[in-house]
Amino acid sequence: MGITKTEHFTSEQNEMAVLLKAMAHPARIAIIDYLLSIDTCICNDIVDVLPLAQPTVSQHLKELKNAGIIQGTVEGTSIKYCINKETMQKFESFIGLIFHKIEKQENGCC
């Protein structure tokens, strides 16, 4: 396999690639949707709403947390998760910039 060569890209491009890769699974999108529908959540709540085993949900939560999309706080023997608003605001700005640039293009498509 080839080397990614991330050093050839801007820090923003690398950061967005990490976010998009972490979001690139329907279970993770479902977790994000669920967390956006409530204030905070304990891991077991997520297991109850997804058709996945607890270890699988935990692995998806780990990927989202490593990317900075969610954050968690330990409460007893459970972890409460929530959306990391700062990360999602960066993501929103980046996506917004893409759509702004598309709208400004005079030619439209190739």
PDB file of N, CA and C in Angstrom:
ATOM      1  N   MET A   1       0.828  -1.188   0.000  1.00  0.00           N
ATOM      2  CA  MET A   1       0.000   0.000   0.000  1.00  0.00           C
ATOM      3  C   MET A   1       0.871   1.249   0.000  1.00  0.00           C
ATOM      4  N   GLY A   2       0.333   2.313  -0.569  1.00  0.00           N
ATOM      5  CA  GLY A   2       1.060   3.564  -0.650  1.00  0.00           C
ATOM      6  C   GLY A   2       1.026   4.338   0.651  1.00  0.00           C
ATOM      7  N   ILE A   3       1.894   5.321   0.743  1.00  0.00           N
ATOM      8  CA  ILE A   3       1.957   6.190   1.908  1.00  0.00           C
ATOM      9  C   ILE A   3       1.038   7.374   1.665  1.00  0.00           C
ATOM     10  N   THR A   4       0.341   7.825   2.697  1.00  0.00           N
ATOM     11  CA  THR A   4      -0.646   8.893   2.565  1.00  0.00           C
ATOM     12  C   THR A   4      -0.028  10.236   2.210  1.00  0.00           C
ATOM     13  N   LYS A   5       1.144  10.536   2.735  1.00  0.00           N
ATOM     14  CA  LYS A   5       1.838  11.800   2.494  1.00  0.00           C
ATOM     15  C   LYS A   5       1.011  13.001   2.954  1.00  0.00           C
ATOM     16  N   THR A   6       0.472  12.908   4.158  1.00  0.00           N
ATOM     17  CA  THR A   6      -0.366  13.981   4.685  1.00  0.00           C
ATOM     18  C   THR A   6       0.379  15.299   4.830  1.00  0.00           C
ATOM     19  N   GLU A   7       1.707  15.252   4.890  1.00  0.00           N
ATOM     20  CA  GLU A   7       2.475  16.490   5.045  1.00  0.00           C
ATOM     21  C   GLU A   7       2.368  17.393   3.814  1.00  0.00           C
ATOM     22  N   HIS A   8       1.872  16.864   2.711  1.00  0.00           N
ATOM     23  CA  HIS A   8       1.717  17.659   1.491  1.00  0.00           C
ATOM     24  C   HIS A   8       0.418  18.459   1.468  1.00  0.00           C
ATOM     25  N   PHE A   9      -0.392  18.311   2.507  1.00  0.00           N
ATOM     26  CA  PHE A   9      -1.689  18.974   2.549  1.00  0.00           C
ATOM     27  C   PHE A   9      -1.745  19.915   3.743  1.00  0.00           C
ATOM     28  N   THR A  10      -2.670  20.867   3.687  1.00  0.00           N
ATOM     29  CA  THR A  10      -2.789  21.829   4.780  1.00  0.00           C
ATOM     30  C   THR A  10      -3.328  21.136   6.029  1.00  0.00           C
ATOM     31  N   SER A  11      -3.128  21.782   7.158  1.00  0.00           N
ATOM     32  CA  SER A  11      -3.634  21.216   8.413  1.00  0.00           C
ATOM     33  C   SER A  11      -5.161  21.125   8.375  1.00  0.00           C
ATOM     34  N   GLU A  12      -5.816  22.109   7.746  1.00  0.00           N
ATOM     35  CA  GLU A  12      -7.273  22.062   7.629  1.00  0.00           C
ATOM     36  C   GLU A  12      -7.713  20.883   6.756  1.00  0.00           C
ATOM     37  N   GLN A  13      -7.033  20.654   5.652  1.00  0.00           N
ATOM     38  CA  GLN A  13      -7.377  19.521   4.786  1.00  0.00           C
ATOM     39  C   GLN A  13      -7.201  18.197   5.524  1.00  0.00           C
ATOM     40  N   ASN A  14      -6.127  18.070   6.278  1.00  0.00           N
ATOM     41  CA  ASN A  14      -5.904  16.851   7.054  1.00  0.00           C
ATOM     42  C   ASN A  14      -6.954  16.689   8.145  1.00  0.00           C
ATOM     43  N   GLU A  15      -7.291  17.793   8.802  1.00  0.00           N
ATOM     44  CA  GLU A  15      -8.305  17.739   9.866  1.00  0.00           C
ATOM     45  C   GLU A  15      -9.668  17.339   9.302  1.00  0.00           C
ATOM     46  N   MET A  16     -10.034  17.914   8.172  1.00  0.00           N
ATOM     47  CA  MET A  16     -11.330  17.569   7.571  1.00  0.00           C
ATOM     48  C   MET A  16     -11.342  16.120   7.090  1.00  0.00           C
ATOM     49  N   ALA A  17     -10.216  15.631   6.600  1.00  0.00           N
ATOM     50  CA  ALA A  17     -10.135  14.234   6.171  1.00  0.00           C
ATOM     51  C   ALA A  17     -10.360  13.290   7.349  1.00  0.00           C
ATOM     52  N   VAL A  18      -9.795  13.628   8.502  1.00  0.00           N
ATOM     53  CA  VAL A  18      -9.999  12.809   9.699  1.00  0.00           C
ATOM     54  C   VAL A  18     -11.475  12.815  10.095  1.00  0.00           C
ATOM     55  N   LEU A  19     -12.096  13.990  10.074  1.00  0.00           N
ATOM     56  CA  LEU A  19     -13.515  14.087  10.433  1.00  0.00           C
ATOM     57  C   LEU A  19     -14.392  13.294   9.467  1.00  0.00           C
ATOM     58  N   LEU A  20     -14.144  13.465   8.182  1.00  0.00           N
ATOM     59  CA  LEU A  20     -14.958  12.773   7.188  1.00  0.00           C
ATOM     60  C   LEU A  20     -14.771  11.266   7.262  1.00  0.00           C
ATOM     61  N   LYS A  21     -13.550  10.831   7.488  1.00  0.00           N
ATOM     62  CA  LYS A  21     -13.299   9.394   7.616  1.00  0.00           C
ATOM     63  C   LYS A  21     -14.028   8.832   8.833  1.00  0.00           C
ATOM     64  N   ALA A  22     -13.996   9.564   9.937  1.00  0.00           N
ATOM     65  CA  ALA A  22     -14.681   9.101  11.147  1.00  0.00           C
ATOM     66  C   ALA A  22     -16.196   9.065  10.964  1.00  0.00           C
ATOM     67  N   MET A  23     -16.711   9.963  10.155  1.00  0.00           N
ATOM     68  CA  MET A  23     -18.165  10.006   9.928  1.00  0.00           C
ATOM     69  C   MET A  23     -18.618   9.035   8.844  1.00  0.00           C
ATOM     70  N   ALA A  24     -17.693   8.439   8.128  1.00  0.00           N
ATOM     71  CA  ALA A  24     -18.019   7.654   6.941  1.00  0.00           C
ATOM     72  C   ALA A  24     -18.506   6.246   7.268  1.00  0.00           C
ATOM     73  N   HIS A  25     -19.467   6.156   8.158  1.00  0.00           N
ATOM     74  CA  HIS A  25     -20.088   4.871   8.479  1.00  0.00           C
ATOM     75  C   HIS A  25     -21.508   5.164   8.954  1.00  0.00           C
ATOM     76  N   PRO A  26     -22.490   4.424   8.460  1.00  0.00           N
ATOM     77  CA  PRO A  26     -23.873   4.717   8.842  1.00  0.00           C
ATOM     78  C   PRO A  26     -24.132   4.609  10.344  1.00  0.00           C
ATOM     79  N   ALA A  27     -23.444   3.719  11.035  1.00  0.00           N
ATOM     80  CA  ALA A  27     -23.632   3.608  12.487  1.00  0.00           C
ATOM     81  C   ALA A  27     -23.149   4.873  13.187  1.00  0.00           C
ATOM     82  N   ARG A  28     -22.069   5.447  12.694  1.00  0.00           N
ATOM     83  CA  ARG A  28     -21.541   6.664  13.313  1.00  0.00           C
ATOM     84  C   ARG A  28     -22.443   7.853  13.029  1.00  0.00           C
ATOM     85  N   ILE A  29     -23.002   7.897  11.839  1.00  0.00           N
ATOM     86  CA  ILE A  29     -23.990   8.939  11.526  1.00  0.00           C
ATOM     87  C   ILE A  29     -25.207   8.784  12.443  1.00  0.00           C
ATOM     88  N   ALA A  30     -25.636   7.543  12.670  1.00  0.00           N
ATOM     89  CA  ALA A  30     -26.768   7.283  13.565  1.00  0.00           C
ATOM     90  C   ALA A  30     -26.445   7.726  14.989  1.00  0.00           C
ATOM     91  N   ILE A  31     -25.230   7.486  15.434  1.00  0.00           N
ATOM     92  CA  ILE A  31     -24.816   7.925  16.767  1.00  0.00           C
ATOM     93  C   ILE A  31     -24.843   9.450  16.856  1.00  0.00           C
ATOM     94  N   ILE A  32     -24.313  10.118  15.848  1.00  0.00           N
ATOM     95  CA  ILE A  32     -24.330  11.583  15.824  1.00  0.00           C
ATOM     96  C   ILE A  32     -25.767  12.092  15.838  1.00  0.00           C
ATOM     97  N   ASP A  33     -26.627  11.516  14.999  1.00  0.00           N
ATOM     98  CA  ASP A  33     -28.048  11.892  14.980  1.00  0.00           C
ATOM     99  C   ASP A  33     -28.672  11.733  16.357  1.00  0.00           C
ATOM    100  N   TYR A  34     -28.395  10.608  16.995  1.00  0.00           N
ATOM    101  CA  TYR A  34     -28.967  10.346  18.322  1.00  0.00           C
ATOM    102  C   TYR A  34     -28.474  11.372  19.341  1.00  0.00           C
ATOM    103  N   LEU A  35     -27.178  11.633  19.340  1.00  0.00           N
ATOM    104  CA  LEU A  35     -26.633  12.596  20.293  1.00  0.00           C
ATOM    105  C   LEU A  35     -27.168  14.002  20.055  1.00  0.00           C
ATOM    106  N   LEU A  36     -27.464  14.324  18.801  1.00  0.00           N
ATOM    107  CA  LEU A  36     -28.039  15.636  18.499  1.00  0.00           C
ATOM    108  C   LEU A  36     -29.502  15.741  18.946  1.00  0.00           C
ATOM    109  N   SER A  37     -30.148  14.613  19.125  1.00  0.00           N
ATOM    110  CA  SER A  37     -31.561  14.627  19.517  1.00  0.00           C
ATOM    111  C   SER A  37     -31.754  14.707  21.032  1.00  0.00           C
ATOM    112  N   ILE A  38     -30.674  14.562  21.799  1.00  0.00           N
ATOM    113  CA  ILE A  38     -30.750  14.618  23.260  1.00  0.00           C
ATOM    114  C   ILE A  38     -29.640  15.509  23.783  1.00  0.00           C
ATOM    115  N   ASP A  39     -29.669  15.827  25.067  1.00  0.00           N
ATOM    116  CA  ASP A  39     -28.634  16.685  25.653  1.00  0.00           C
ATOM    117  C   ASP A  39     -27.348  15.916  25.913  1.00  0.00           C
ATOM    118  N   THR A  40     -27.430  14.837  26.650  1.00  0.00           N
ATOM    119  CA  THR A  40     -26.270  13.986  26.908  1.00  0.00           C
ATOM    120  C   THR A  40     -26.731  12.546  26.832  1.00  0.00           C
ATOM    121  N   CYS A  41     -25.815  11.644  26.850  1.00  0.00           N
ATOM    122  CA  CYS A  41     -26.177  10.247  26.663  1.00  0.00           C
ATOM    123  C   CYS A  41     -25.176   9.342  27.352  1.00  0.00           C
ATOM    124  N   ILE A  42     -25.661   8.282  27.924  1.00  0.00           N
ATOM    125  CA  ILE A  42     -24.787   7.251  28.472  1.00  0.00           C
ATOM    126  C   ILE A  42     -24.659   6.165  27.415  1.00  0.00           C
ATOM    127  N   CYS A  43     -23.499   5.589  27.289  1.00  0.00           N
ATOM    128  CA  CYS A  43     -23.216   4.597  26.244  1.00  0.00           C
ATOM    129  C   CYS A  43     -24.313   3.548  26.115  1.00  0.00           C
ATOM    130  N   ASN A  44     -24.836   3.052  27.228  1.00  0.00           N
ATOM    131  CA  ASN A  44     -25.864   2.017  27.170  1.00  0.00           C
ATOM    132  C   ASN A  44     -27.127   2.494  26.460  1.00  0.00           C
ATOM    133  N   ASP A  45     -27.433   3.788  26.547  1.00  0.00           N
ATOM    134  CA  ASP A  45     -28.586   4.335  25.829  1.00  0.00           C
ATOM    135  C   ASP A  45     -28.410   4.170  24.326  1.00  0.00           C
ATOM    136  N   ILE A  46     -27.213   4.401  23.850  1.00  0.00           N
ATOM    137  CA  ILE A  46     -26.929   4.281  22.425  1.00  0.00           C
ATOM    138  C   ILE A  46     -27.071   2.833  21.979  1.00  0.00           C
ATOM    139  N   VAL A  47     -26.584   1.913  22.800  1.00  0.00           N
ATOM    140  CA  VAL A  47     -26.705   0.482  22.487  1.00  0.00           C
ATOM    141  C   VAL A  47     -28.176   0.093  22.353  1.00  0.00           C
ATOM    142  N   ASP A  48     -29.031   0.694  23.156  1.00  0.00           N
ATOM    143  CA  ASP A  48     -30.462   0.371  23.123  1.00  0.00           C
ATOM    144  C   ASP A  48     -31.151   0.833  21.839  1.00  0.00           C
ATOM    145  N   VAL A  49     -30.629   1.879  21.194  1.00  0.00           N
ATOM    146  CA  VAL A  49     -31.306   2.413  20.003  1.00  0.00           C
ATOM    147  C   VAL A  49     -30.690   1.947  18.687  1.00  0.00           C
ATOM    148  N   LEU A  50     -29.510   1.351  18.743  1.00  0.00           N
ATOM    149  CA  LEU A  50     -28.866   0.870  17.521  1.00  0.00           C
ATOM    150  C   LEU A  50     -28.936  -0.660  17.453  1.00  0.00           C
ATOM    151  N   PRO A  51     -29.044  -1.198  16.249  1.00  0.00           N
ATOM    152  CA  PRO A  51     -29.102  -2.659  16.102  1.00  0.00           C
ATOM    153  C   PRO A  51     -27.706  -3.290  16.087  1.00  0.00           C
ATOM    154  N   LEU A  52     -26.879  -2.872  17.044  1.00  0.00           N
ATOM    155  CA  LEU A  52     -25.497  -3.344  17.092  1.00  0.00           C
ATOM    156  C   LEU A  52     -25.154  -3.810  18.506  1.00  0.00           C
ATOM    157  N   ALA A  53     -24.199  -4.701  18.591  1.00  0.00           N
ATOM    158  CA  ALA A  53     -23.732  -5.183  19.885  1.00  0.00           C
ATOM    159  C   ALA A  53     -22.972  -4.076  20.608  1.00  0.00           C
ATOM    160  N   GLN A  54     -22.929  -4.165  21.928  1.00  0.00           N
ATOM    161  CA  GLN A  54     -22.272  -3.151  22.742  1.00  0.00           C
ATOM    162  C   GLN A  54     -20.803  -2.948  22.364  1.00  0.00           C
ATOM    163  N   PRO A  55     -20.013  -4.014  22.123  1.00  0.00           N
ATOM    164  CA  PRO A  55     -18.613  -3.783  21.728  1.00  0.00           C
ATOM    165  C   PRO A  55     -18.488  -3.024  20.396  1.00  0.00           C
ATOM    166  N   THR A  56     -19.408  -3.277  19.478  1.00  0.00           N
ATOM    167  CA  THR A  56     -19.389  -2.585  18.187  1.00  0.00           C
ATOM    168  C   THR A  56     -19.705  -1.107  18.377  1.00  0.00           C
ATOM    169  N   VAL A  57     -20.714  -0.813  19.191  1.00  0.00           N
ATOM    170  CA  VAL A  57     -21.061   0.581  19.479  1.00  0.00           C
ATOM    171  C   VAL A  57     -19.876   1.273  20.148  1.00  0.00           C
ATOM    172  N   SER A  58     -19.242   0.602  21.084  1.00  0.00           N
ATOM    173  CA  SER A  58     -18.084   1.185  21.768  1.00  0.00           C
ATOM    174  C   SER A  58     -16.961   1.512  20.789  1.00  0.00           C
ATOM    175  N   GLN A  59     -16.742   0.643  19.823  1.00  0.00           N
ATOM    176  CA  GLN A  59     -15.696   0.898  18.820  1.00  0.00           C
ATOM    177  C   GLN A  59     -16.040   2.123  17.968  1.00  0.00           C
ATOM    178  N   HIS A  60     -17.306   2.250  17.579  1.00  0.00           N
ATOM    179  CA  HIS A  60     -17.729   3.429  16.801  1.00  0.00           C
ATOM    180  C   HIS A  60     -17.594   4.700  17.639  1.00  0.00           C
ATOM    181  N   LEU A  61     -17.968   4.629  18.914  1.00  0.00           N
ATOM    182  CA  LEU A  61     -17.825   5.781  19.804  1.00  0.00           C
ATOM    183  C   LEU A  61     -16.353   6.176  19.936  1.00  0.00           C
ATOM    184  N   LYS A  62     -15.479   5.184  20.021  1.00  0.00           N
ATOM    185  CA  LYS A  62     -14.047   5.447  20.121  1.00  0.00           C
ATOM    186  C   LYS A  62     -13.544   6.191  18.886  1.00  0.00           C
ATOM    187  N   GLU A  63     -13.983   5.758  17.706  1.00  0.00           N
ATOM    188  CA  GLU A  63     -13.558   6.428  16.460  1.00  0.00           C
ATOM    189  C   GLU A  63     -14.039   7.875  16.428  1.00  0.00           C
ATOM    190  N   LEU A  64     -15.296   8.100  16.823  1.00  0.00           N
ATOM    191  CA  LEU A  64     -15.839   9.459  16.840  1.00  0.00           C
ATOM    192  C   LEU A  64     -15.114  10.329  17.865  1.00  0.00           C
ATOM    193  N   LYS A  65     -14.795   9.743  19.001  1.00  0.00           N
ATOM    194  CA  LYS A  65     -14.095  10.493  20.047  1.00  0.00           C
ATOM    195  C   LYS A  65     -12.662  10.806  19.617  1.00  0.00           C
ATOM    196  N   ASN A  66     -11.971   9.846  19.018  1.00  0.00           N
ATOM    197  CA  ASN A  66     -10.596  10.073  18.553  1.00  0.00           C
ATOM    198  C   ASN A  66     -10.529  11.185  17.510  1.00  0.00           C
ATOM    199  N   ALA A  67     -11.583  11.316  16.717  1.00  0.00           N
ATOM    200  CA  ALA A  67     -11.626  12.372  15.699  1.00  0.00           C
ATOM    201  C   ALA A  67     -12.058  13.713  16.285  1.00  0.00           C
ATOM    202  N   GLY A  68     -12.477  13.714  17.549  1.00  0.00           N
ATOM    203  CA  GLY A  68     -12.902  14.953  18.194  1.00  0.00           C
ATOM    204  C   GLY A  68     -14.341  15.338  17.904  1.00  0.00           C
ATOM    205  N   ILE A  69     -15.108  14.434  17.294  1.00  0.00           N
ATOM    206  CA  ILE A  69     -16.498  14.733  16.943  1.00  0.00           C
ATOM    207  C   ILE A  69     -17.391  14.674  18.173  1.00  0.00           C
ATOM    208  N   ILE A  70     -17.084  13.746  19.071  1.00  0.00           N
ATOM    209  CA  ILE A  70     -17.823  13.658  20.328  1.00  0.00           C
ATOM    210  C   ILE A  70     -16.825  13.741  21.476  1.00  0.00           C
ATOM    211  N   GLN A  71     -17.360  14.016  22.645  1.00  0.00           N
ATOM    212  CA  GLN A  71     -16.543  13.997  23.848  1.00  0.00           C
ATOM    213  C   GLN A  71     -17.310  13.254  24.916  1.00  0.00           C
ATOM    214  N   GLY A  72     -16.589  12.688  25.852  1.00  0.00           N
ATOM    215  CA  GLY A  72     -17.230  11.901  26.887  1.00  0.00           C
ATOM    216  C   GLY A  72     -16.686  12.229  28.260  1.00  0.00           C
ATOM    217  N   THR A  73     -17.554  12.100  29.256  1.00  0.00           N
ATOM    218  CA  THR A  73     -17.134  12.279  30.637  1.00  0.00           C
ATOM    219  C   THR A  73     -17.545  11.036  31.410  1.00  0.00           C
ATOM    220  N   VAL A  74     -16.646  10.597  32.269  1.00  0.00           N
ATOM    221  CA  VAL A  74     -16.909   9.406  33.068  1.00  0.00           C
ATOM    222  C   VAL A  74     -17.845   9.785  34.210  1.00  0.00           C
ATOM    223  N   GLU A  75     -18.888   8.975  34.371  1.00  0.00           N
ATOM    224  CA  GLU A  75     -19.842   9.173  35.459  1.00  0.00           C
ATOM    225  C   GLU A  75     -20.075   7.813  36.102  1.00  0.00           C
ATOM    226  N   GLY A  76     -19.359   7.552  37.181  1.00  0.00           N
ATOM    227  CA  GLY A  76     -19.430   6.235  37.810  1.00  0.00           C
ATOM    228  C   GLY A  76     -18.788   5.201  36.908  1.00  0.00           C
ATOM    229  N   THR A  77     -19.575   4.191  36.535  1.00  0.00           N
ATOM    230  CA  THR A  77     -19.060   3.149  35.638  1.00  0.00           C
ATOM    231  C   THR A  77     -19.492   3.382  34.198  1.00  0.00           C
ATOM    232  N   SER A  78     -20.141   4.499  33.943  1.00  0.00           N
ATOM    233  CA  SER A  78     -20.633   4.814  32.598  1.00  0.00           C
ATOM    234  C   SER A  78     -19.912   6.029  32.034  1.00  0.00           C
ATOM    235  N   ILE A  79     -20.045   6.205  30.737  1.00  0.00           N
ATOM    236  CA  ILE A  79     -19.498   7.389  30.075  1.00  0.00           C
ATOM    237  C   ILE A  79     -20.647   8.125  29.406  1.00  0.00           C
ATOM    238  N   LYS A  80     -20.750   9.413  29.694  1.00  0.00           N
ATOM    239  CA  LYS A  80     -21.766  10.247  29.059  1.00  0.00           C
ATOM    240  C   LYS A  80     -21.119  10.937  27.858  1.00  0.00           C
ATOM    241  N   TYR A  81     -21.752  10.817  26.701  1.00  0.00           N
ATOM    242  CA  TYR A  81     -21.217  11.394  25.474  1.00  0.00           C
ATOM    243  C   TYR A  81     -22.056  12.575  25.019  1.00  0.00           C
ATOM    244  N   CYS A  82     -21.403  13.508  24.341  1.00  0.00           N
ATOM    245  CA  CYS A  82     -22.100  14.620  23.706  1.00  0.00           C
ATOM    246  C   CYS A  82     -21.293  15.055  22.490  1.00  0.00           C
ATOM    247  N   ILE A  83     -21.929  15.825  21.629  1.00  0.00           N
ATOM    248  CA  ILE A  83     -21.277  16.365  20.435  1.00  0.00           C
ATOM    249  C   ILE A  83     -20.273  17.432  20.846  1.00  0.00           C
ATOM    250  N   ASN A  84     -19.104  17.427  20.227  1.00  0.00           N
ATOM    251  CA  ASN A  84     -18.105  18.466  20.443  1.00  0.00           C
ATOM    252  C   ASN A  84     -18.466  19.623  19.507  1.00  0.00           C
ATOM    253  N   LYS A  85     -19.069  20.643  20.069  1.00  0.00           N
ATOM    254  CA  LYS A  85     -19.570  21.759  19.256  1.00  0.00           C
ATOM    255  C   LYS A  85     -18.467  22.479  18.493  1.00  0.00           C
ATOM    256  N   GLU A  86     -17.303  22.617  19.102  1.00  0.00           N
ATOM    257  CA  GLU A  86     -16.200  23.318  18.441  1.00  0.00           C
ATOM    258  C   GLU A  86     -15.777  22.591  17.162  1.00  0.00           C
ATOM    259  N   THR A  87     -15.647  21.285  17.246  1.00  0.00           N
ATOM    260  CA  THR A  87     -15.270  20.503  16.069  1.00  0.00           C
ATOM    261  C   THR A  87     -16.341  20.601  14.998  1.00  0.00           C
ATOM    262  N   MET A  88     -17.598  20.501  15.396  1.00  0.00           N
ATOM    263  CA  MET A  88     -18.681  20.538  14.424  1.00  0.00           C
ATOM    264  C   MET A  88     -18.818  21.928  13.795  1.00  0.00           C
ATOM    265  N   GLN A  89     -18.460  22.975  14.520  1.00  0.00           N
ATOM    266  CA  GLN A  89     -18.474  24.320  13.934  1.00  0.00           C
ATOM    267  C   GLN A  89     -17.388  24.458  12.868  1.00  0.00           C
ATOM    268  N   LYS A  90     -16.222  23.863  13.106  1.00  0.00           N
ATOM    269  CA  LYS A  90     -15.166  23.855  12.088  1.00  0.00           C
ATOM    270  C   LYS A  90     -15.637  23.108  10.847  1.00  0.00           C
ATOM    271  N   PHE A  91     -16.280  21.981  11.070  1.00  0.00           N
ATOM    272  CA  PHE A  91     -16.788  21.168   9.967  1.00  0.00           C
ATOM    273  C   PHE A  91     -17.847  21.953   9.180  1.00  0.00           C
ATOM    274  N   GLU A  92     -18.749  22.611   9.892  1.00  0.00           N
ATOM    275  CA  GLU A  92     -19.789  23.412   9.242  1.00  0.00           C
ATOM    276  C   GLU A  92     -19.182  24.531   8.404  1.00  0.00           C
ATOM    277  N   SER A  93     -18.154  25.192   8.923  1.00  0.00           N
ATOM    278  CA  SER A  93     -17.489  26.267   8.178  1.00  0.00           C
ATOM    279  C   SER A  93     -16.848  25.730   6.905  1.00  0.00           C
ATOM    280  N   PHE A  94     -16.190  24.577   7.018  1.00  0.00           N
ATOM    281  CA  PHE A  94     -15.533  23.982   5.861  1.00  0.00           C
ATOM    282  C   PHE A  94     -16.555  23.598   4.792  1.00  0.00           C
ATOM    283  N   ILE A  95     -17.617  22.933   5.187  1.00  0.00           N
ATOM    284  CA  ILE A  95     -18.663  22.526   4.227  1.00  0.00           C
ATOM    285  C   ILE A  95     -19.333  23.762   3.636  1.00  0.00           C
ATOM    286  N   GLY A  96     -19.591  24.763   4.477  1.00  0.00           N
ATOM    287  CA  GLY A  96     -20.181  26.007   3.991  1.00  0.00           C
ATOM    288  C   GLY A  96     -19.309  26.681   2.942  1.00  0.00           C
ATOM    289  N   LEU A  97     -17.991  26.656   3.169  1.00  0.00           N
ATOM    290  CA  LEU A  97     -17.048  27.240   2.204  1.00  0.00           C
ATOM    291  C   LEU A  97     -17.102  26.493   0.873  1.00  0.00           C
ATOM    292  N   ILE A  98     -17.211  25.179   0.932  1.00  0.00           N
ATOM    293  CA  ILE A  98     -17.325  24.392  -0.299  1.00  0.00           C
ATOM    294  C   ILE A  98     -18.550  24.836  -1.098  1.00  0.00           C
ATOM    295  N   PHE A  99     -19.693  24.913  -0.432  1.00  0.00           N
ATOM    296  CA  PHE A  99     -20.925  25.299  -1.137  1.00  0.00           C
ATOM    297  C   PHE A  99     -20.861  26.746  -1.627  1.00  0.00           C
ATOM    298  N   HIS A 100     -20.222  27.606  -0.853  1.00  0.00           N
ATOM    299  CA  HIS A 100     -20.056  28.998  -1.294  1.00  0.00           C
ATOM    300  C   HIS A 100     -19.225  29.057  -2.575  1.00  0.00           C
ATOM    301  N   LYS A 101     -18.142  28.279  -2.638  1.00  0.00           N
ATOM    302  CA  LYS A 101     -17.294  28.263  -3.828  1.00  0.00           C
ATOM    303  C   LYS A 101     -18.031  27.673  -5.023  1.00  0.00           C
ATOM    304  N   ILE A 102     -18.856  26.673  -4.790  1.00  0.00           N
ATOM    305  CA  ILE A 102     -19.643  26.077  -5.878  1.00  0.00           C
ATOM    306  C   ILE A 102     -20.611  27.111  -6.450  1.00  0.00           C
ATOM    307  N   GLU A 103     -21.268  27.866  -5.577  1.00  0.00           N
ATOM    308  CA  GLU A 103     -22.218  28.886  -6.028  1.00  0.00           C
ATOM    309  C   GLU A 103     -21.527  29.989  -6.821  1.00  0.00           C
ATOM    310  N   LYS A 104     -20.274  30.296  -6.498  1.00  0.00           N
ATOM    311  CA  LYS A 104     -19.548  31.360  -7.175  1.00  0.00           C
ATOM    312  C   LYS A 104     -19.010  30.939  -8.545  1.00  0.00           C
ATOM    313  N   GLN A 105     -18.939  29.639  -8.788  1.00  0.00           N
ATOM    314  CA  GLN A 105     -18.402  29.171 -10.075  1.00  0.00           C
ATOM    315  C   GLN A 105     -19.316  29.623 -11.209  1.00  0.00           C
ATOM    316  N   GLU A 106     -18.727  30.216 -12.203  1.00  0.00           N
ATOM    317  CA  GLU A 106     -19.492  30.734 -13.328  1.00  0.00           C
ATOM    318  C   GLU A 106     -19.884  29.616 -14.296  1.00  0.00           C
ATOM    319  N   ASN A 107     -18.997  28.683 -14.524  1.00  0.00           N
ATOM    320  CA  ASN A 107     -19.216  27.647 -15.528  1.00  0.00           C
ATOM    321  C   ASN A 107     -20.177  26.566 -15.092  1.00  0.00           C
ATOM    322  N   GLY A 108     -20.340  26.400 -13.792  1.00  0.00           N
ATOM    323  CA  GLY A 108     -21.145  25.276 -13.328  1.00  0.00           C
ATOM    324  C   GLY A 108     -20.329  24.012 -13.356  1.00  0.00           C
ATOM    325  N   CYS A 109     -20.626  23.132 -14.270  1.00  0.00           N
ATOM    326  CA  CYS A 109     -19.948  21.843 -14.350  1.00  0.00           C
ATOM    327  C   CYS A 109     -19.019  21.807 -15.555  1.00  0.00           C
ATOM    328  N   CYS A 110     -18.178  20.799 -15.611  1.00  0.00           N
ATOM    329  CA  CYS A 110     -17.195  20.643 -16.700  1.00  0.00           C
ATOM    330  C   CYS A 110     -17.850  20.591 -18.062  1.00  0.00           C
TER     331      CYS A 110
END
